Each structure stands twice: as C-alpha cells, then as structure tokens.
Amino acid sequence: MKQVFGNLMLALPPLASFVVWRTGAWAFDYFGCQDLGKSIEPCIAYGHNIQGVLGISLFWAPLLLLVSLPVCGCLLFERLLRRLHTNGS
C-alpha cells in the first residue's frame, strides 16, 4: 500500500499540471475570452476578472508539465527498477 501511495504521489504533479492547463483552455472558450495580442481585455466570468487565472493556467501549467513529466517519469522508472531488483533477488 505504501508503494502504491508513493507512485500516486509521483504521478500527481504532471496530472495536476495537465488538469489545470486543460481547465484553463476550456474556461477561455466557455466564457468567450478573446486574445487580442498586447491589448489587455478583461475576461469576465460571473462578475470577476479571471485574466490572471487564465494566464497562469494557459502559460505556466504547460511549462510545468514539460518539466514535471520527464522528472516524475524518471523517478517512477527508478522506483520500478528498484522494486524489480528487490523482488528478483
């Protein structure tokens, strides 16, 4: 059980980054936000400006995904090899 929990914790950062990224892309389309280049038009959802949240989810989340996916993949692979090595001996 401890190993399953550890593997899930290692898979959580790329999964969370992907969910935040795709949720931001969905919100951008759903609330009718427009990308006007350098002019900043507020994106209003239920009376609140969500431009900052969209900036985080559409810019930073894919970058974090690009970093966290290989790192977590290597760590999961290392855990797998370590487990196979201890079970094989």
PDB file of N, CA and C in Angstrom:
ATOM      1  N   MET A   1       0.820  -1.188   0.000  1.00  0.00           N
ATOM      2  CA  MET A   1       0.000   0.000   0.000  1.00  0.00           C
ATOM      3  C   MET A   1       0.869   1.258   0.000  1.00  0.00           C
ATOM      4  N   LYS A   2       1.985   1.192   0.723  1.00  0.00           N
ATOM      5  CA  LYS A   2       2.875   2.341   0.800  1.00  0.00           C
ATOM      6  C   LYS A   2       3.479   2.653  -0.565  1.00  0.00           C
ATOM      7  N   GLN A   3       3.810   1.617  -1.333  1.00  0.00           N
ATOM      8  CA  GLN A   3       4.396   1.837  -2.651  1.00  0.00           C
ATOM      9  C   GLN A   3       3.377   2.397  -3.627  1.00  0.00           C
ATOM     10  N   VAL A   4       2.139   1.969  -3.529  1.00  0.00           N
ATOM     11  CA  VAL A   4       1.091   2.496  -4.404  1.00  0.00           C
ATOM     12  C   VAL A   4       0.871   3.977  -4.110  1.00  0.00           C
ATOM     13  N   PHE A   5       0.833   4.343  -2.845  1.00  0.00           N
ATOM     14  CA  PHE A   5       0.672   5.739  -2.460  1.00  0.00           C
ATOM     15  C   PHE A   5       1.847   6.576  -2.960  1.00  0.00           C
ATOM     16  N   GLY A   6       3.060   6.061  -2.849  1.00  0.00           N
ATOM     17  CA  GLY A   6       4.236   6.774  -3.342  1.00  0.00           C
ATOM     18  C   GLY A   6       4.200   6.971  -4.850  1.00  0.00           C
ATOM     19  N   ASN A   7       3.761   5.941  -5.573  1.00  0.00           N
ATOM     20  CA  ASN A   7       3.652   6.066  -7.021  1.00  0.00           C
ATOM     21  C   ASN A   7       2.589   7.087  -7.410  1.00  0.00           C
ATOM     22  N   LEU A   8       1.483   7.098  -6.695  1.00  0.00           N
ATOM     23  CA  LEU A   8       0.442   8.088  -6.976  1.00  0.00           C
ATOM     24  C   LEU A   8       0.922   9.503  -6.678  1.00  0.00           C
ATOM     25  N   MET A   9       1.699   9.664  -5.623  1.00  0.00           N
ATOM     26  CA  MET A   9       2.238  10.990  -5.300  1.00  0.00           C
ATOM     27  C   MET A   9       3.228  11.460  -6.366  1.00  0.00           C
ATOM     28  N   LEU A  10       3.981  10.524  -6.949  1.00  0.00           N
ATOM     29  CA  LEU A  10       4.905  10.896  -8.011  1.00  0.00           C
ATOM     30  C   LEU A  10       4.171  11.262  -9.303  1.00  0.00           C
ATOM     31  N   ALA A  11       3.022  10.659  -9.529  1.00  0.00           N
ATOM     32  CA  ALA A  11       2.259  10.950 -10.743  1.00  0.00           C
ATOM     33  C   ALA A  11       1.388  12.196 -10.594  1.00  0.00           C
ATOM     34  N   LEU A  12       1.248  12.716  -9.394  1.00  0.00           N
ATOM     35  CA  LEU A  12       0.355  13.833  -9.152  1.00  0.00           C
ATOM     36  C   LEU A  12       0.795  15.152  -9.804  1.00  0.00           C
ATOM     37  N   PRO A  13       2.058  15.582  -9.756  1.00  0.00           N
ATOM     38  CA  PRO A  13       2.414  16.871 -10.361  1.00  0.00           C
ATOM     39  C   PRO A  13       2.127  16.984 -11.863  1.00  0.00           C
ATOM     40  N   PRO A  14       2.507  15.989 -12.688  1.00  0.00           N
ATOM     41  CA  PRO A  14       2.144  16.145 -14.100  1.00  0.00           C
ATOM     42  C   PRO A  14       0.641  16.059 -14.336  1.00  0.00           C
ATOM     43  N   LEU A  15      -0.051  15.246 -13.562  1.00  0.00           N
ATOM     44  CA  LEU A  15      -1.500  15.138 -13.714  1.00  0.00           C
ATOM     45  C   LEU A  15      -2.186  16.447 -13.333  1.00  0.00           C
ATOM     46  N   ALA A  16      -1.760  17.051 -12.239  1.00  0.00           N
ATOM     47  CA  ALA A  16      -2.342  18.322 -11.809  1.00  0.00           C
ATOM     48  C   ALA A  16      -2.047  19.425 -12.826  1.00  0.00           C
ATOM     49  N   SER A  17      -0.834  19.469 -13.362  1.00  0.00           N
ATOM     50  CA  SER A  17      -0.493  20.472 -14.378  1.00  0.00           C
ATOM     51  C   SER A  17      -1.356  20.306 -15.617  1.00  0.00           C
ATOM     52  N   PHE A  18      -1.578  19.067 -16.026  1.00  0.00           N
ATOM     53  CA  PHE A  18      -2.409  18.816 -17.203  1.00  0.00           C
ATOM     54  C   PHE A  18      -3.858  19.245 -16.954  1.00  0.00           C
ATOM     55  N   VAL A  19      -4.390  18.927 -15.791  1.00  0.00           N
ATOM     56  CA  VAL A  19      -5.776  19.284 -15.473  1.00  0.00           C
ATOM     57  C   VAL A  19      -5.940  20.803 -15.414  1.00  0.00           C
ATOM     58  N   VAL A  20      -4.997  21.506 -14.799  1.00  0.00           N
ATOM     59  CA  VAL A  20      -5.073  22.972 -14.733  1.00  0.00           C
ATOM     60  C   VAL A  20      -4.989  23.578 -16.127  1.00  0.00           C
ATOM     61  N   TRP A  21      -4.109  23.061 -16.963  1.00  0.00           N
ATOM     62  CA  TRP A  21      -3.948  23.569 -18.324  1.00  0.00           C
ATOM     63  C   TRP A  21      -5.228  23.385 -19.137  1.00  0.00           C
ATOM     64  N   ARG A  22      -5.786  22.165 -19.110  1.00  0.00           N
ATOM     65  CA  ARG A  22      -6.985  21.895 -19.912  1.00  0.00           C
ATOM     66  C   ARG A  22      -8.214  22.622 -19.357  1.00  0.00           C
ATOM     67  N   THR A  23      -8.298  22.798 -18.038  1.00  0.00           N
ATOM     68  CA  THR A  23      -9.398  23.554 -17.452  1.00  0.00           C
ATOM     69  C   THR A  23      -9.324  25.016 -17.866  1.00  0.00           C
ATOM     70  N   GLY A  24      -8.127  25.576 -17.905  1.00  0.00           N
ATOM     71  CA  GLY A  24      -7.961  26.945 -18.364  1.00  0.00           C
ATOM     72  C   GLY A  24      -8.329  27.115 -19.832  1.00  0.00           C
ATOM     73  N   ALA A  25      -7.965  26.141 -20.658  1.00  0.00           N
ATOM     74  CA  ALA A  25      -8.332  26.201 -22.074  1.00  0.00           C
ATOM     75  C   ALA A  25      -9.846  26.112 -22.243  1.00  0.00           C
ATOM     76  N   TRP A  26     -10.483  25.266 -21.448  1.00  0.00           N
ATOM     77  CA  TRP A  26     -11.938  25.164 -21.501  1.00  0.00           C
ATOM     78  C   TRP A  26     -12.591  26.469 -21.050  1.00  0.00           C
ATOM     79  N   ALA A  27     -12.108  27.066 -19.958  1.00  0.00           N
ATOM     80  CA  ALA A  27     -12.683  28.314 -19.443  1.00  0.00           C
ATOM     81  C   ALA A  27     -12.493  29.450 -20.438  1.00  0.00           C
ATOM     82  N   PHE A  28     -11.367  29.473 -21.127  1.00  0.00           N
ATOM     83  CA  PHE A  28     -11.107  30.512 -22.126  1.00  0.00           C
ATOM     84  C   PHE A  28     -12.171  30.466 -23.217  1.00  0.00           C
ATOM     85  N   ASP A  29     -12.521  29.272 -23.677  1.00  0.00           N
ATOM     86  CA  ASP A  29     -13.554  29.129 -24.708  1.00  0.00           C
ATOM     87  C   ASP A  29     -14.955  29.325 -24.131  1.00  0.00           C
ATOM     88  N   TYR A  30     -15.213  28.769 -22.987  1.00  0.00           N
ATOM     89  CA  TYR A  30     -16.555  28.784 -22.408  1.00  0.00           C
ATOM     90  C   TYR A  30     -17.014  30.204 -22.081  1.00  0.00           C
ATOM     91  N   PHE A  31     -16.129  31.025 -21.520  1.00  0.00           N
ATOM     92  CA  PHE A  31     -16.502  32.372 -21.118  1.00  0.00           C
ATOM     93  C   PHE A  31     -16.296  33.394 -22.230  1.00  0.00           C
ATOM     94  N   GLY A  32     -15.911  32.949 -23.417  1.00  0.00           N
ATOM     95  CA  GLY A  32     -15.795  33.839 -24.568  1.00  0.00           C
ATOM     96  C   GLY A  32     -14.671  34.845 -24.469  1.00  0.00           C
ATOM     97  N   CYS A  33     -13.567  34.460 -23.874  1.00  0.00           N
ATOM     98  CA  CYS A  33     -12.419  35.367 -23.768  1.00  0.00           C
ATOM     99  C   CYS A  33     -11.772  35.520 -25.136  1.00  0.00           C
ATOM    100  N   GLN A  34     -11.140  36.673 -25.351  1.00  0.00           N
ATOM    101  CA  GLN A  34     -10.506  36.947 -26.632  1.00  0.00           C
ATOM    102  C   GLN A  34      -9.037  37.260 -26.421  1.00  0.00           C
ATOM    103  N   ASP A  35      -8.214  36.735 -27.308  1.00  0.00           N
ATOM    104  CA  ASP A  35      -6.786  37.015 -27.289  1.00  0.00           C
ATOM    105  C   ASP A  35      -6.536  38.130 -28.290  1.00  0.00           C
ATOM    106  N   LEU A  36      -6.252  39.301 -27.777  1.00  0.00           N
ATOM    107  CA  LEU A  36      -6.060  40.465 -28.643  1.00  0.00           C
ATOM    108  C   LEU A  36      -4.608  40.907 -28.695  1.00  0.00           C
ATOM    109  N   GLY A  37      -3.712  40.018 -28.473  1.00  0.00           N
ATOM    110  CA  GLY A  37      -2.290  40.364 -28.517  1.00  0.00           C
ATOM    111  C   GLY A  37      -1.866  41.136 -27.289  1.00  0.00           C
ATOM    112  N   LYS A  38      -1.309  42.337 -27.491  1.00  0.00           N
ATOM    113  CA  LYS A  38      -0.779  43.101 -26.368  1.00  0.00           C
ATOM    114  C   LYS A  38      -1.838  43.923 -25.640  1.00  0.00           C
ATOM    115  N   SER A  39      -2.969  44.187 -26.266  1.00  0.00           N
ATOM    116  CA  SER A  39      -4.012  44.926 -25.560  1.00  0.00           C
ATOM    117  C   SER A  39      -4.710  43.967 -24.591  1.00  0.00           C
ATOM    118  N   ILE A  40      -4.848  44.420 -23.376  1.00  0.00           N
ATOM    119  CA  ILE A  40      -5.401  43.555 -22.342  1.00  0.00           C
ATOM    120  C   ILE A  40      -6.893  43.839 -22.201  1.00  0.00           C
ATOM    121  N   GLU A  41      -7.693  42.917 -22.645  1.00  0.00           N
ATOM    122  CA  GLU A  41      -9.132  42.978 -22.461  1.00  0.00           C
ATOM    123  C   GLU A  41      -9.481  42.057 -21.299  1.00  0.00           C
ATOM    124  N   PRO A  42     -10.207  42.553 -20.321  1.00  0.00           N
ATOM    125  CA  PRO A  42     -10.545  41.668 -19.198  1.00  0.00           C
ATOM    126  C   PRO A  42     -11.496  40.556 -19.625  1.00  0.00           C
ATOM    127  N   CYS A  43     -11.305  39.423 -19.042  1.00  0.00           N
ATOM    128  CA  CYS A  43     -12.191  38.291 -19.274  1.00  0.00           C
ATOM    129  C   CYS A  43     -13.040  38.139 -18.019  1.00  0.00           C
ATOM    130  N   ILE A  44     -14.302  38.411 -18.152  1.00  0.00           N
ATOM    131  CA  ILE A  44     -15.202  38.443 -17.006  1.00  0.00           C
ATOM    132  C   ILE A  44     -16.013  37.147 -16.943  1.00  0.00           C
ATOM    133  N   ALA A  45     -16.000  36.529 -15.785  1.00  0.00           N
ATOM    134  CA  ALA A  45     -16.806  35.324 -15.540  1.00  0.00           C
ATOM    135  C   ALA A  45     -17.528  35.508 -14.215  1.00  0.00           C
ATOM    136  N   TYR A  46     -18.843  35.545 -14.272  1.00  0.00           N
ATOM    137  CA  TYR A  46     -19.676  35.711 -13.082  1.00  0.00           C
ATOM    138  C   TYR A  46     -19.291  36.958 -12.280  1.00  0.00           C
ATOM    139  N   GLY A  47     -18.965  38.032 -12.987  1.00  0.00           N
ATOM    140  CA  GLY A  47     -18.647  39.298 -12.340  1.00  0.00           C
ATOM    141  C   GLY A  47     -17.223  39.442 -11.858  1.00  0.00           C
ATOM    142  N   HIS A  48     -16.367  38.476 -12.135  1.00  0.00           N
ATOM    143  CA  HIS A  48     -14.973  38.537 -11.694  1.00  0.00           C
ATOM    144  C   HIS A  48     -14.046  38.449 -12.912  1.00  0.00           C
ATOM    145  N   ASN A  49     -12.966  39.205 -12.857  1.00  0.00           N
ATOM    146  CA  ASN A  49     -11.968  39.155 -13.917  1.00  0.00           C
ATOM    147  C   ASN A  49     -11.082  37.927 -13.686  1.00  0.00           C
ATOM    148  N   ILE A  50     -11.084  36.994 -14.623  1.00  0.00           N
ATOM    149  CA  ILE A  50     -10.309  35.755 -14.466  1.00  0.00           C
ATOM    150  C   ILE A  50      -9.068  35.747 -15.349  1.00  0.00           C
ATOM    151  N   GLN A  51      -8.646  36.927 -15.804  1.00  0.00           N
ATOM    152  CA  GLN A  51      -7.496  37.010 -16.701  1.00  0.00           C
ATOM    153  C   GLN A  51      -6.221  36.464 -16.048  1.00  0.00           C
ATOM    154  N   GLY A  52      -6.014  36.749 -14.774  1.00  0.00           N
ATOM    155  CA  GLY A  52      -4.823  36.260 -14.085  1.00  0.00           C
ATOM    156  C   GLY A  52      -4.796  34.745 -13.959  1.00  0.00           C
ATOM    157  N   VAL A  53      -5.939  34.177 -13.637  1.00  0.00           N
ATOM    158  CA  VAL A  53      -6.031  32.721 -13.517  1.00  0.00           C
ATOM    159  C   VAL A  53      -5.806  32.062 -14.873  1.00  0.00           C
ATOM    160  N   LEU A  54      -6.370  32.664 -15.932  1.00  0.00           N
ATOM    161  CA  LEU A  54      -6.151  32.117 -17.269  1.00  0.00           C
ATOM    162  C   LEU A  54      -4.691  32.232 -17.685  1.00  0.00           C
ATOM    163  N   GLY A  55      -4.042  33.322 -17.287  1.00  0.00           N
ATOM    164  CA  GLY A  55      -2.617  33.469 -17.597  1.00  0.00           C
ATOM    165  C   GLY A  55      -1.782  32.382 -16.956  1.00  0.00           C
ATOM    166  N   ILE A  56      -2.103  32.067 -15.706  1.00  0.00           N
ATOM    167  CA  ILE A  56      -1.382  31.002 -15.017  1.00  0.00           C
ATOM    168  C   ILE A  56      -1.660  29.656 -15.675  1.00  0.00           C
ATOM    169  N   SER A  57      -2.932  29.395 -15.956  1.00  0.00           N
ATOM    170  CA  SER A  57      -3.283  28.068 -16.462  1.00  0.00           C
ATOM    171  C   SER A  57      -2.867  27.856 -17.909  1.00  0.00           C
ATOM    172  N   LEU A  58      -2.853  28.901 -18.723  1.00  0.00           N
ATOM    173  CA  LEU A  58      -2.512  28.722 -20.136  1.00  0.00           C
ATOM    174  C   LEU A  58      -1.031  28.936 -20.440  1.00  0.00           C
ATOM    175  N   PHE A  59      -0.289  29.571 -19.538  1.00  0.00           N
ATOM    176  CA  PHE A  59       1.145  29.772 -19.782  1.00  0.00           C
ATOM    177  C   PHE A  59       2.006  28.907 -18.872  1.00  0.00           C
ATOM    178  N   TRP A  60       1.775  28.984 -17.569  1.00  0.00           N
ATOM    179  CA  TRP A  60       2.662  28.293 -16.636  1.00  0.00           C
ATOM    180  C   TRP A  60       2.393  26.798 -16.527  1.00  0.00           C
ATOM    181  N   ALA A  61       1.133  26.380 -16.621  1.00  0.00           N
ATOM    182  CA  ALA A  61       0.828  24.951 -16.469  1.00  0.00           C
ATOM    183  C   ALA A  61       1.477  24.090 -17.551  1.00  0.00           C
ATOM    184  N   PRO A  62       1.453  24.479 -18.849  1.00  0.00           N
ATOM    185  CA  PRO A  62       2.163  23.645 -19.831  1.00  0.00           C
ATOM    186  C   PRO A  62       3.674  23.613 -19.608  1.00  0.00           C
ATOM    187  N   LEU A  63       4.239  24.737 -19.150  1.00  0.00           N
ATOM    188  CA  LEU A  63       5.678  24.739 -18.857  1.00  0.00           C
ATOM    189  C   LEU A  63       6.009  23.808 -17.695  1.00  0.00           C
ATOM    190  N   LEU A  64       5.181  23.839 -16.661  1.00  0.00           N
ATOM    191  CA  LEU A  64       5.394  22.923 -15.537  1.00  0.00           C
ATOM    192  C   LEU A  64       5.195  21.476 -15.955  1.00  0.00           C
ATOM    193  N   LEU A  65       4.265  21.252 -16.878  1.00  0.00           N
ATOM    194  CA  LEU A  65       4.053  19.894 -17.379  1.00  0.00           C
ATOM    195  C   LEU A  65       5.287  19.392 -18.128  1.00  0.00           C
ATOM    196  N   LEU A  66       5.894  20.262 -18.921  1.00  0.00           N
ATOM    197  CA  LEU A  66       7.098  19.869 -19.661  1.00  0.00           C
ATOM    198  C   LEU A  66       8.263  19.532 -18.738  1.00  0.00           C
ATOM    199  N   VAL A  67       8.299  20.162 -17.582  1.00  0.00           N
ATOM    200  CA  VAL A  67       9.377  19.877 -16.623  1.00  0.00           C
ATOM    201  C   VAL A  67       9.029  18.671 -15.755  1.00  0.00           C
ATOM    202  N   SER A  68       7.796  18.639 -15.255  1.00  0.00           N
ATOM    203  CA  SER A  68       7.440  17.598 -14.282  1.00  0.00           C
ATOM    204  C   SER A  68       7.249  16.222 -14.909  1.00  0.00           C
ATOM    205  N   LEU A  69       6.830  16.165 -16.157  1.00  0.00           N
ATOM    206  CA  LEU A  69       6.590  14.860 -16.780  1.00  0.00           C
ATOM    207  C   LEU A  69       7.869  14.025 -16.904  1.00  0.00           C
ATOM    208  N   PRO A  70       8.969  14.556 -17.459  1.00  0.00           N
ATOM    209  CA  PRO A  70      10.181  13.722 -17.514  1.00  0.00           C
ATOM    210  C   PRO A  70      10.781  13.424 -16.134  1.00  0.00           C
ATOM    211  N   VAL A  71      10.729  14.410 -15.237  1.00  0.00           N
ATOM    212  CA  VAL A  71      11.310  14.192 -13.904  1.00  0.00           C
ATOM    213  C   VAL A  71      10.535  13.106 -13.164  1.00  0.00           C
ATOM    214  N   CYS A  72       9.223  13.223 -13.135  1.00  0.00           N
ATOM    215  CA  CYS A  72       8.406  12.219 -12.442  1.00  0.00           C
ATOM    216  C   CYS A  72       8.454  10.878 -13.155  1.00  0.00           C
ATOM    217  N   GLY A  73       8.549  10.897 -14.481  1.00  0.00           N
ATOM    218  CA  GLY A  73       8.679   9.642 -15.219  1.00  0.00           C
ATOM    219  C   GLY A  73       9.963   8.915 -14.866  1.00  0.00           C
ATOM    220  N   CYS A  74      11.063   9.664 -14.769  1.00  0.00           N
ATOM    221  CA  CYS A  74      12.344   9.047 -14.393  1.00  0.00           C
ATOM    222  C   CYS A  74      12.296   8.506 -12.967  1.00  0.00           C
ATOM    223  N   LEU A  75      11.672   9.258 -12.066  1.00  0.00           N
ATOM    224  CA  LEU A  75      11.582   8.788 -10.686  1.00  0.00           C
ATOM    225  C   LEU A  75      10.691   7.552 -10.568  1.00  0.00           C
ATOM    226  N   LEU A  76       9.587   7.533 -11.309  1.00  0.00           N
ATOM    227  CA  LEU A  76       8.736   6.337 -11.306  1.00  0.00           C
ATOM    228  C   LEU A  76       9.470   5.137 -11.901  1.00  0.00           C
ATOM    229  N   PHE A  77      10.227   5.361 -12.966  1.00  0.00           N
ATOM    230  CA  PHE A  77      11.002   4.289 -13.580  1.00  0.00           C
ATOM    231  C   PHE A  77      12.061   3.763 -12.609  1.00  0.00           C
ATOM    232  N   GLU A  78      12.697   4.673 -11.875  1.00  0.00           N
ATOM    233  CA  GLU A  78      13.690   4.262 -10.882  1.00  0.00           C
ATOM    234  C   GLU A  78      13.048   3.431  -9.773  1.00  0.00           C
ATOM    235  N   ARG A  79      11.861   3.840  -9.320  1.00  0.00           N
ATOM    236  CA  ARG A  79      11.149   3.062  -8.296  1.00  0.00           C
ATOM    237  C   ARG A  79      10.790   1.677  -8.814  1.00  0.00           C
ATOM    238  N   LEU A  80      10.374   1.602 -10.081  1.00  0.00           N
ATOM    239  CA  LEU A  80      10.029   0.325 -10.689  1.00  0.00           C
ATOM    240  C   LEU A  80      11.253  -0.583 -10.755  1.00  0.00           C
ATOM    241  N   LEU A  81      12.372  -0.037 -11.205  1.00  0.00           N
ATOM    242  CA  LEU A  81      13.592  -0.840 -11.287  1.00  0.00           C
ATOM    243  C   LEU A  81      14.047  -1.307  -9.913  1.00  0.00           C
ATOM    244  N   ARG A  82      13.948  -0.431  -8.920  1.00  0.00           N
ATOM    245  CA  ARG A  82      14.341  -0.803  -7.568  1.00  0.00           C
ATOM    246  C   ARG A  82      13.443  -1.920  -7.026  1.00  0.00           C
ATOM    247  N   ARG A  83      12.153  -1.836  -7.336  1.00  0.00           N
ATOM    248  CA  ARG A  83      11.222  -2.874  -6.864  1.00  0.00           C
ATOM    249  C   ARG A  83      11.489  -4.203  -7.567  1.00  0.00           C
ATOM    250  N   LEU A  84      11.751  -4.148  -8.877  1.00  0.00           N
ATOM    251  CA  LEU A  84      12.042  -5.381  -9.606  1.00  0.00           C
ATOM    252  C   LEU A  84      13.350  -6.001  -9.130  1.00  0.00           C
ATOM    253  N   HIS A  85      14.318  -5.156  -8.792  1.00  0.00           N
ATOM    254  CA  HIS A  85      15.602  -5.663  -8.322  1.00  0.00           C
ATOM    255  C   HIS A  85      15.461  -6.353  -6.966  1.00  0.00           C
ATOM    256  N   THR A  86      14.666  -5.792  -6.065  1.00  0.00           N
ATOM    257  CA  THR A  86      14.499  -6.399  -4.749  1.00  0.00           C
ATOM    258  C   THR A  86      13.645  -7.657  -4.825  1.00  0.00           C
ATOM    259  N   ASN A  87      12.664  -7.694  -5.744  1.00  0.00           N
ATOM    260  CA  ASN A  87      11.838  -8.890  -5.871  1.00  0.00           C
ATOM    261  C   ASN A  87      12.554  -9.999  -6.615  1.00  0.00           C
ATOM    262  N   GLY A  88      13.477  -9.653  -7.508  1.00  0.00           N
ATOM    263  CA  GLY A  88      14.191 -10.674  -8.282  1.00  0.00           C
ATOM    264  C   GLY A  88      15.284 -11.368  -7.509  1.00  0.00           C
ATOM    265  N   SER A  89      15.808 -10.747  -6.460  1.00  0.00           N
ATOM    266  CA  SER A  89      16.922 -11.333  -5.715  1.00  0.00           C
ATOM    267  C   SER A  89      16.457 -12.314  -4.679  1.00  0.00           C
TER     268      SER A  89
END
